[in-house]
Amino acid sequence: MKKLLIISYAFPPSNDPAIHRICRLAKHLPHFGWQPLLLTAREGAYFRKDIENQWFEKFFLKIYKTTDQRDQCFKMLLMSEKSKSTLRFLIKNFALPDPYFSWIRPAVETGNNLIKEHKPDAILATVNPYSSGLIGSRLSQNMGIPFIIDYRDPWTLSRFHRENIMKHFFNIRLEKIMLNKADRIFVTSEPMKKLFTNHHYFPADKIHVVTNGTDEEMQYLADSPEASGLDLSKFNITYTGGFYNDRQPYDLLRGFAQFLKGNPDYRKTVRINFIGSEIDQQTRNIIVEHELQSSVSIFGEVSFKRSIKLLKESDILLIINGKGEYNHIFIPAKFFDYLAVEKPIFFVGKGQPADIIQKYNLGECALHQSGDIAQKLEKLLRMNINPKCPTEFKMENIAEKVAKILEELT
């Protein structure tokens, strides 16, 4: 059986969405002749942890964990406010390619030894962080092994990485070096592929769309006895995940208020649940302004397993896309949890999730306009649909596609 070295900074007990992509892929690749190895960072620099997912480790032949000097930086944060401010400024403005730069050197050293021992046939580095891609390209160059970059997010094409002009300039050079070493490039959606191919330094002939996928076992779909916390006497519309930047529930809540105004009988029966990060003050103000206190529940952060339980007990699953540049290129990772649960989906925004929902009759889509949201929500509540997860998004089928691409390289 051939071997694939996967490089990923995030790994359980991290609760980063990236872990689900690589772990589900690792589970199914052996069915198609590829055994996964993993190079990751040692536990310590994760912002969120979820120990319930640590059993995912069993899907890897061997796991190598390297040091990350960021641990020492985080200890500095406990010293004083001045230390915090200075460290944040330095990392934001000078760390190349990203705040995870400190694991590049130990990861390359560990990777060289790993490759000598296990002789993998190919390397796949999932980004971000983009330091993982530089590790992969360096190991590929050192050892002469085919190299795949797995882009979950754009790097220098993203507006989030263009705030510092000088840093952006150097990162473009680093990304070009990484791309020149790559034999294949994976992206997670067709719009992302189109974005990349429109820029000259991305080799269009090497780009393949490899979406995330579903797996019944790893998404905890079997019935569990734990109580989710939902009020099951209500009709529950549930959103999982955080809000940040321009991905906010402001329009959704205004549209929901407009829907309730036109359909007052629903005020006591329909509830929106936000599962994940805390909401901001503007969201709270909108809730109060439109008297939605009894119609909106805020759960805060929960484990991945419990979030699936909450989805299973909900009636409609909610996705809100951002309004800004390039938001349309993403298929949020939560979308594949929604597909697995097989409940109607209500999508607010533009992007490929809308195309998938419409193609497979999975729910309803609305623009970021309160009137459209109110109208489409009312329409969805009156619809009688029975969504089924499309087979193209089953992880075993995605793993088969990846295995075929790997065979072409080796």
Protein backbone atom coordinates (compact mmCIF):
# COMPACT_ATOMS: atom_id res chain seq x y z
CA MET A 1 0.00 0.00 0.00
CA LYS A 2 1.32 3.46 -0.89
CA LYS A 3 1.70 6.18 1.72
CA LEU A 4 0.58 9.80 1.81
CA LEU A 5 2.18 12.26 4.22
CA ILE A 6 -0.45 14.81 5.31
CA ILE A 7 0.80 18.05 6.85
CA SER A 8 -1.76 19.85 8.99
CA TYR A 9 -1.16 22.23 11.87
CA ALA A 10 -4.61 21.53 13.30
CA PHE A 11 -5.38 18.10 14.73
CA PRO A 12 -7.45 16.80 17.65
CA PRO A 13 -7.87 17.95 20.35
CA SER A 14 -8.07 21.13 18.29
CA ASN A 15 -11.64 22.01 17.34
CA ASP A 16 -10.54 23.71 14.12
CA PRO A 17 -12.83 22.76 11.17
CA ALA A 18 -9.74 21.64 9.24
CA ILE A 19 -9.44 18.50 11.33
CA HIS A 20 -12.65 17.05 9.90
CA ARG A 21 -11.49 17.37 6.31
CA ILE A 22 -8.16 15.60 6.80
CA CYS A 23 -9.42 12.97 9.27
CA ARG A 24 -12.36 11.94 7.10
CA LEU A 25 -10.05 11.73 4.12
CA ALA A 26 -7.56 9.66 6.15
CA LYS A 27 -10.31 7.20 7.10
CA HIS A 28 -11.26 6.40 3.51
CA LEU A 29 -7.96 6.61 1.60
CA PRO A 30 -6.82 3.10 2.64
CA HIS A 31 -9.86 1.70 0.80
CA PHE A 32 -8.19 2.95 -2.39
CA GLY A 33 -4.63 1.88 -1.69
CA TRP A 34 -3.23 4.83 0.29
CA GLN A 35 -2.16 4.79 3.93
CA PRO A 36 -2.01 8.24 5.61
CA LEU A 37 0.82 9.52 7.79
CA LEU A 38 0.47 12.81 9.66
CA LEU A 39 2.85 15.63 10.51
CA THR A 40 1.27 18.11 12.92
CA ALA A 41 2.06 20.49 15.77
CA ARG A 42 2.13 19.46 19.39
CA GLU A 43 -0.85 20.39 21.50
CA GLY A 44 -0.59 23.75 23.18
CA ALA A 45 -1.26 26.56 20.72
CA TYR A 46 -4.92 25.76 20.00
CA PHE A 47 -7.51 28.41 20.69
CA ARG A 48 -10.31 25.85 21.02
CA LYS A 49 -10.21 22.22 22.10
CA ASP A 50 -12.61 19.32 21.78
CA ILE A 51 -11.27 16.14 23.35
CA GLU A 52 -14.23 14.07 22.10
CA ASN A 53 -12.66 13.95 18.64
CA GLN A 54 -9.31 12.47 19.70
CA TRP A 55 -10.35 9.00 18.53
CA PHE A 56 -9.84 10.29 14.96
CA GLU A 57 -6.16 9.49 15.52
CA LYS A 58 -6.78 5.83 14.74
CA PHE A 59 -7.14 6.57 11.03
CA PHE A 60 -3.44 7.41 10.63
CA LEU A 61 -0.65 4.88 10.28
CA LYS A 62 1.69 7.12 12.29
CA ILE A 63 1.41 10.60 13.78
CA TYR A 64 4.42 12.86 14.26
CA LYS A 65 4.02 15.98 16.41
CA THR A 66 6.55 18.80 16.34
CA THR A 67 7.27 21.64 18.69
CA ASP A 68 5.83 25.10 18.12
CA GLN A 69 7.58 28.02 19.79
CA ARG A 70 4.30 29.91 19.82
CA ASP A 71 3.72 28.21 23.18
CA GLN A 72 6.41 30.43 24.65
CA CYS A 73 4.83 33.48 23.02
CA PHE A 74 1.48 32.68 24.60
CA LYS A 75 3.14 32.43 28.02
CA MET A 76 4.40 35.95 27.43
CA LEU A 77 0.81 37.09 27.08
CA LEU A 78 0.34 36.41 30.78
CA MET A 79 3.09 38.85 31.76
CA SER A 80 1.60 42.28 31.13
CA GLU A 81 -0.67 44.30 28.89
CA LYS A 82 2.38 45.92 27.32
CA SER A 83 3.80 42.50 26.41
CA LYS A 84 0.50 41.50 24.86
CA SER A 85 0.30 44.63 22.75
CA THR A 86 3.90 44.37 21.57
CA LEU A 87 3.65 40.69 20.70
CA ARG A 88 0.41 41.11 18.79
CA PHE A 89 1.87 43.99 16.80
CA LEU A 90 5.00 42.03 15.89
CA ILE A 91 3.12 38.88 14.88
CA LYS A 92 0.53 40.74 12.83
CA ASN A 93 2.99 42.93 10.95
CA PHE A 94 6.21 40.95 10.69
CA ALA A 95 5.54 37.20 11.03
CA LEU A 96 6.10 35.49 7.66
CA PRO A 97 4.18 33.78 6.27
CA ASP A 98 1.74 33.81 9.21
CA PRO A 99 1.63 33.62 13.04
CA TYR A 100 2.47 29.90 12.85
CA PHE A 101 5.93 30.47 11.32
CA SER A 102 7.67 29.05 14.37
CA TRP A 103 6.75 25.46 13.57
CA ILE A 104 8.34 25.50 10.08
CA ARG A 105 11.88 24.61 11.11
CA PRO A 106 11.05 21.82 13.61
CA ALA A 107 8.42 20.43 11.19
CA VAL A 108 10.92 20.25 8.33
CA GLU A 109 13.47 18.51 10.57
CA THR A 110 10.86 16.02 11.79
CA GLY A 111 9.52 15.58 8.27
CA ASN A 112 12.94 14.72 6.87
CA ASN A 113 13.35 11.95 9.45
CA LEU A 114 9.78 10.76 8.93
CA ILE A 115 10.32 10.49 5.18
CA LYS A 116 13.55 8.56 5.60
CA GLU A 117 11.79 6.07 7.87
CA HIS A 118 8.44 5.62 6.11
CA LYS A 119 9.25 6.64 2.51
CA PRO A 120 5.88 8.21 1.63
CA ASP A 121 4.97 8.35 -2.04
CA ALA A 122 3.37 11.83 -1.93
CA ILE A 123 2.92 14.85 0.34
CA LEU A 124 -0.29 16.82 0.92
CA ALA A 125 -0.19 20.06 2.92
CA THR A 126 -3.50 21.63 3.92
CA VAL A 127 -3.55 25.42 4.30
CA ASN A 128 -4.16 27.58 6.21
CA PRO A 129 -1.94 28.14 8.12
CA TYR A 130 0.17 28.78 5.04
CA SER A 131 3.34 27.82 6.88
CA SER A 132 2.13 24.22 6.36
CA GLY A 133 2.42 24.70 2.61
CA LEU A 134 5.98 26.00 2.91
CA ILE A 135 6.86 22.96 5.01
CA GLY A 136 5.42 20.69 2.35
CA SER A 137 7.22 22.40 -0.51
CA ARG A 138 10.55 22.26 1.32
CA LEU A 139 10.16 18.55 2.14
CA SER A 140 9.17 17.86 -1.45
CA GLN A 141 12.26 19.66 -2.72
CA ASN A 142 14.55 17.97 -0.18
CA MET A 143 13.29 14.45 -0.82
CA GLY A 144 12.03 14.55 -4.42
CA ILE A 145 8.45 13.55 -3.52
CA PRO A 146 5.31 14.77 -5.39
CA PHE A 147 3.62 17.62 -3.51
CA ILE A 148 -0.04 18.71 -3.32
CA ILE A 149 -1.27 21.98 -1.81
CA ASP A 150 -4.74 21.72 -0.31
CA TYR A 151 -6.24 25.25 -0.22
CA ARG A 152 -9.14 25.52 2.20
CA ASP A 153 -8.76 29.32 2.01
CA PRO A 154 -6.97 31.62 -0.44
CA TRP A 155 -3.72 33.13 0.76
CA THR A 156 -2.47 36.32 -0.89
CA LEU A 157 -5.68 36.68 -2.91
CA SER A 158 -7.65 37.17 0.31
CA ARG A 159 -8.30 40.70 1.51
CA PHE A 160 -7.53 39.55 5.06
CA HIS A 161 -3.88 39.13 4.04
CA ARG A 162 -3.50 42.45 2.23
CA GLU A 163 -3.63 44.84 5.19
CA ASN A 164 0.15 45.13 5.48
CA ILE A 165 1.55 46.05 2.04
CA MET A 166 5.12 45.02 2.77
CA LYS A 167 4.12 41.69 4.33
CA HIS A 168 1.73 41.04 1.45
CA PHE A 169 4.54 41.66 -1.06
CA PHE A 170 6.82 39.09 0.57
CA ASN A 171 3.98 36.58 1.00
CA ILE A 172 3.20 36.75 -2.73
CA ARG A 173 6.80 35.76 -3.37
CA LEU A 174 6.54 32.91 -0.85
CA GLU A 175 3.28 31.70 -2.37
CA LYS A 176 4.79 31.67 -5.85
CA ILE A 177 7.71 29.60 -4.57
CA MET A 178 5.26 27.17 -2.98
CA LEU A 179 3.17 26.96 -6.16
CA ASN A 180 6.23 26.33 -8.33
CA LYS A 181 7.02 23.26 -6.23
CA ALA A 182 3.44 21.93 -6.33
CA ASP A 183 2.48 19.06 -8.60
CA ARG A 184 -1.25 19.47 -7.93
CA ILE A 185 -3.44 22.08 -6.24
CA PHE A 186 -6.67 21.23 -4.45
CA VAL A 187 -9.40 23.83 -3.86
CA THR A 188 -12.72 23.34 -2.09
CA SER A 189 -15.15 24.81 -4.65
CA GLU A 190 -15.61 25.65 -8.32
CA PRO A 191 -15.73 29.42 -7.63
CA MET A 192 -12.39 29.15 -5.80
CA LYS A 193 -10.93 27.35 -8.80
CA LYS A 194 -12.18 30.12 -11.08
CA LEU A 195 -10.65 32.77 -8.80
CA PHE A 196 -7.28 31.02 -8.86
CA THR A 197 -7.20 30.40 -12.61
CA ASN A 198 -7.86 34.09 -13.24
CA HIS A 199 -4.50 34.93 -11.65
CA HIS A 200 -1.43 34.21 -13.73
CA TYR A 201 0.74 32.67 -11.02
CA PHE A 202 -1.70 29.79 -10.45
CA PRO A 203 -1.12 26.95 -12.97
CA ALA A 204 -4.67 26.21 -14.14
CA ASP A 205 -3.85 22.71 -15.40
CA LYS A 206 -2.84 21.59 -11.91
CA ILE A 207 -6.00 22.73 -10.05
CA HIS A 208 -8.62 20.20 -8.92
CA VAL A 209 -11.83 20.79 -6.97
CA VAL A 210 -11.92 18.55 -3.88
CA THR A 211 -14.80 19.52 -1.63
CA ASN A 212 -15.26 18.56 1.99
CA GLY A 213 -17.39 15.50 2.58
CA THR A 214 -19.68 13.65 4.94
CA ASP A 215 -19.06 10.57 7.06
CA GLU A 216 -21.82 9.11 9.23
CA GLU A 217 -19.51 7.70 11.92
CA MET A 218 -17.28 10.76 12.25
CA GLN A 219 -20.28 13.11 12.31
CA TYR A 220 -21.89 11.23 15.21
CA LEU A 221 -25.14 10.59 13.33
CA ALA A 222 -26.10 7.57 15.40
CA ASP A 223 -28.70 8.34 18.05
CA SER A 224 -27.21 9.44 21.36
CA PRO A 225 -29.01 9.65 24.73
CA GLU A 226 -27.58 13.05 25.72
CA ALA A 227 -30.01 15.95 25.86
CA SER A 228 -29.13 18.69 23.40
CA GLY A 229 -30.73 21.56 25.29
CA LEU A 230 -33.15 22.58 22.57
CA ASP A 231 -36.73 23.40 23.47
CA LEU A 232 -38.38 20.67 21.42
CA SER A 233 -41.81 22.25 21.88
CA LYS A 234 -40.64 24.93 19.42
CA PHE A 235 -40.01 24.86 15.68
CA ASN A 236 -36.21 25.24 15.76
CA ILE A 237 -34.11 27.03 13.14
CA THR A 238 -30.47 26.45 14.07
CA TYR A 239 -27.16 28.03 13.08
CA THR A 240 -23.82 26.50 14.16
CA GLY A 241 -20.48 28.29 14.11
CA GLY A 242 -19.20 31.76 14.80
CA PHE A 243 -19.81 35.21 13.38
CA TYR A 244 -16.92 37.42 12.30
CA ASN A 245 -16.03 40.28 9.98
CA ASP A 246 -18.89 40.69 7.48
CA ARG A 247 -20.51 37.34 8.28
CA GLN A 248 -23.13 38.57 10.73
CA PRO A 249 -26.82 37.79 11.46
CA TYR A 250 -28.04 41.40 11.21
CA ASP A 251 -30.07 41.01 8.00
CA LEU A 252 -31.31 37.58 9.05
CA LEU A 253 -32.74 38.92 12.30
CA ARG A 254 -34.38 41.91 10.60
CA GLY A 255 -35.91 39.58 8.04
CA PHE A 256 -37.04 37.21 10.79
CA ALA A 257 -38.71 40.12 12.60
CA GLN A 258 -40.46 41.10 9.37
CA PHE A 259 -41.62 37.51 8.90
CA LEU A 260 -43.05 37.41 12.44
CA LYS A 261 -44.80 40.73 11.92
CA GLY A 262 -46.59 39.32 8.89
CA ASN A 263 -47.18 35.94 10.56
CA PRO A 264 -47.80 36.72 14.27
CA ASP A 265 -48.99 33.18 15.01
CA TYR A 266 -45.39 31.97 14.55
CA ARG A 267 -43.97 34.25 17.26
CA LYS A 268 -44.64 31.73 20.03
CA THR A 269 -43.71 28.64 18.03
CA VAL A 270 -40.62 29.44 15.89
CA ARG A 271 -37.19 29.97 17.44
CA ILE A 272 -33.76 30.74 16.00
CA ASN A 273 -30.83 29.15 17.83
CA PHE A 274 -27.25 30.43 17.52
CA ILE A 275 -24.75 27.71 18.44
CA GLY A 276 -21.09 28.74 18.64
CA SER A 277 -19.28 31.97 19.36
CA GLU A 278 -20.82 34.78 21.34
CA ILE A 279 -22.77 37.35 19.34
CA ASP A 280 -21.75 41.01 19.25
CA GLN A 281 -23.51 44.02 20.74
CA GLN A 282 -25.09 45.09 17.45
CA THR A 283 -26.79 41.69 17.19
CA ARG A 284 -28.08 42.02 20.75
CA ASN A 285 -29.38 45.50 19.97
CA ILE A 286 -31.31 44.23 16.95
CA ILE A 287 -32.83 41.44 19.05
CA VAL A 288 -34.06 43.98 21.60
CA GLU A 289 -35.15 46.54 19.00
CA HIS A 290 -37.39 44.00 17.25
CA GLU A 291 -38.54 42.29 20.47
CA LEU A 292 -37.03 38.95 19.54
CA GLN A 293 -35.80 38.00 23.02
CA SER A 294 -38.24 35.10 23.32
CA SER A 295 -37.64 34.01 19.70
CA VAL A 296 -33.82 33.77 19.73
CA SER A 297 -31.64 31.49 21.86
CA ILE A 298 -27.86 31.86 22.20
CA PHE A 299 -25.99 28.72 23.23
CA GLY A 300 -22.37 29.79 23.01
CA GLU A 301 -19.61 27.31 22.21
CA VAL A 302 -20.38 23.56 22.38
CA SER A 303 -18.53 20.40 21.40
CA PHE A 304 -18.74 19.18 17.82
CA LYS A 305 -20.65 16.09 18.94
CA ARG A 306 -23.24 18.17 20.75
CA SER A 307 -23.57 20.54 17.79
CA ILE A 308 -24.55 17.57 15.63
CA LYS A 309 -27.12 16.54 18.24
CA LEU A 310 -28.56 20.06 18.13
CA LEU A 311 -28.75 19.93 14.35
CA LYS A 312 -30.48 16.56 14.40
CA GLU A 313 -33.17 17.88 16.73
CA SER A 314 -33.74 21.05 14.70
CA ASP A 315 -36.31 21.57 11.97
CA ILE A 316 -34.41 23.93 9.67
CA LEU A 317 -30.63 24.47 9.46
CA LEU A 318 -29.35 27.98 8.87
CA ILE A 319 -26.28 29.20 6.99
CA ILE A 320 -25.33 32.87 6.69
CA ASN A 321 -22.64 33.82 4.19
CA GLY A 322 -20.67 37.05 4.36
CA LYS A 323 -21.27 40.00 2.06
CA GLY A 324 -17.69 40.92 1.30
CA GLU A 325 -15.20 40.18 -1.44
CA TYR A 326 -14.73 36.50 -2.29
CA ASN A 327 -17.31 35.21 0.22
CA HIS A 328 -19.08 33.51 -2.67
CA ILE A 329 -16.12 31.16 -3.26
CA PHE A 330 -16.52 29.29 0.03
CA ILE A 331 -18.63 26.29 0.94
CA PRO A 332 -18.61 26.53 4.75
CA ALA A 333 -17.49 23.35 6.49
CA LYS A 334 -20.73 23.33 8.48
CA PHE A 335 -22.62 22.89 5.21
CA PHE A 336 -21.42 19.28 5.05
CA ASP A 337 -22.67 18.65 8.59
CA TYR A 338 -26.01 20.03 7.46
CA LEU A 339 -26.00 17.73 4.42
CA ALA A 340 -25.27 14.72 6.63
CA VAL A 341 -28.12 15.53 9.03
CA GLU A 342 -30.55 15.71 6.07
CA LYS A 343 -32.77 18.54 7.28
CA PRO A 344 -34.05 21.50 5.18
CA ILE A 345 -31.42 24.24 4.79
CA PHE A 346 -32.02 28.00 4.73
CA PHE A 347 -29.09 29.83 3.14
CA VAL A 348 -28.66 33.62 3.31
CA GLY A 349 -26.16 35.11 0.87
CA LYS A 350 -24.56 34.24 -2.45
CA GLY A 351 -22.29 31.36 -3.34
CA GLN A 352 -22.04 27.72 -4.30
CA PRO A 353 -24.14 26.49 -1.34
CA ALA A 354 -27.10 28.18 -3.05
CA ASP A 355 -26.38 26.27 -6.27
CA ILE A 356 -26.19 22.95 -4.41
CA ILE A 357 -29.37 23.63 -2.42
CA GLN A 358 -31.30 24.48 -5.56
CA LYS A 359 -29.85 21.60 -7.61
CA TYR A 360 -30.80 18.95 -5.06
CA ASN A 361 -33.93 20.60 -3.61
CA LEU A 362 -32.42 20.84 -0.13
CA GLY A 363 -34.17 23.98 1.06
CA GLU A 364 -34.42 27.68 0.21
CA CYS A 365 -32.02 30.59 -0.41
CA ALA A 366 -32.35 34.33 0.23
CA LEU A 367 -30.29 37.44 -0.38
CA HIS A 368 -29.05 39.73 2.39
CA GLN A 369 -32.32 41.69 2.25
CA SER A 370 -34.87 41.59 5.06
CA GLY A 371 -37.82 41.43 2.68
CA ASP A 372 -36.36 38.54 0.69
CA ILE A 373 -35.43 36.72 3.90
CA ALA A 374 -38.97 37.08 5.28
CA GLN A 375 -40.52 35.89 2.02
CA LYS A 376 -38.19 32.91 1.50
CA LEU A 377 -38.44 31.82 5.14
CA GLU A 378 -42.22 31.79 4.93
CA LYS A 379 -41.97 29.79 1.70
CA LEU A 380 -39.63 27.24 3.30
CA LEU A 381 -41.90 26.79 6.30
CA ARG A 382 -44.74 25.89 3.95
CA MET A 383 -42.65 23.48 1.86
CA ASN A 384 -42.73 19.73 2.35
CA ILE A 385 -39.27 18.47 1.41
CA ASN A 386 -37.22 15.47 2.48
CA PRO A 387 -33.56 16.34 1.83
CA LYS A 388 -31.05 13.58 1.11
CA CYS A 389 -27.29 13.98 1.12
CA PRO A 390 -26.00 13.87 -2.49
CA THR A 391 -23.65 10.92 -3.04
CA GLU A 392 -21.00 13.17 -4.60
CA PHE A 393 -20.39 14.64 -1.14
CA LYS A 394 -19.91 11.30 0.61
CA MET A 395 -16.30 11.21 1.77
CA GLU A 396 -15.65 7.76 0.38
CA ASN A 397 -16.34 9.11 -3.12
CA ILE A 398 -14.15 12.16 -2.52
CA ALA A 399 -11.33 9.94 -1.22
CA GLU A 400 -11.57 7.83 -4.36
CA LYS A 401 -11.12 10.97 -6.47
CA VAL A 402 -8.09 12.01 -4.42
CA ALA A 403 -6.59 8.53 -4.72
CA LYS A 404 -6.87 8.65 -8.52
CA ILE A 405 -5.04 11.98 -8.59
CA LEU A 406 -2.34 10.56 -6.31
CA GLU A 407 -1.92 7.58 -8.63
CA GLU A 408 -1.29 9.95 -11.54
CA LEU A 409 1.62 11.48 -9.64
CA THR A 410 3.35 8.30 -8.48
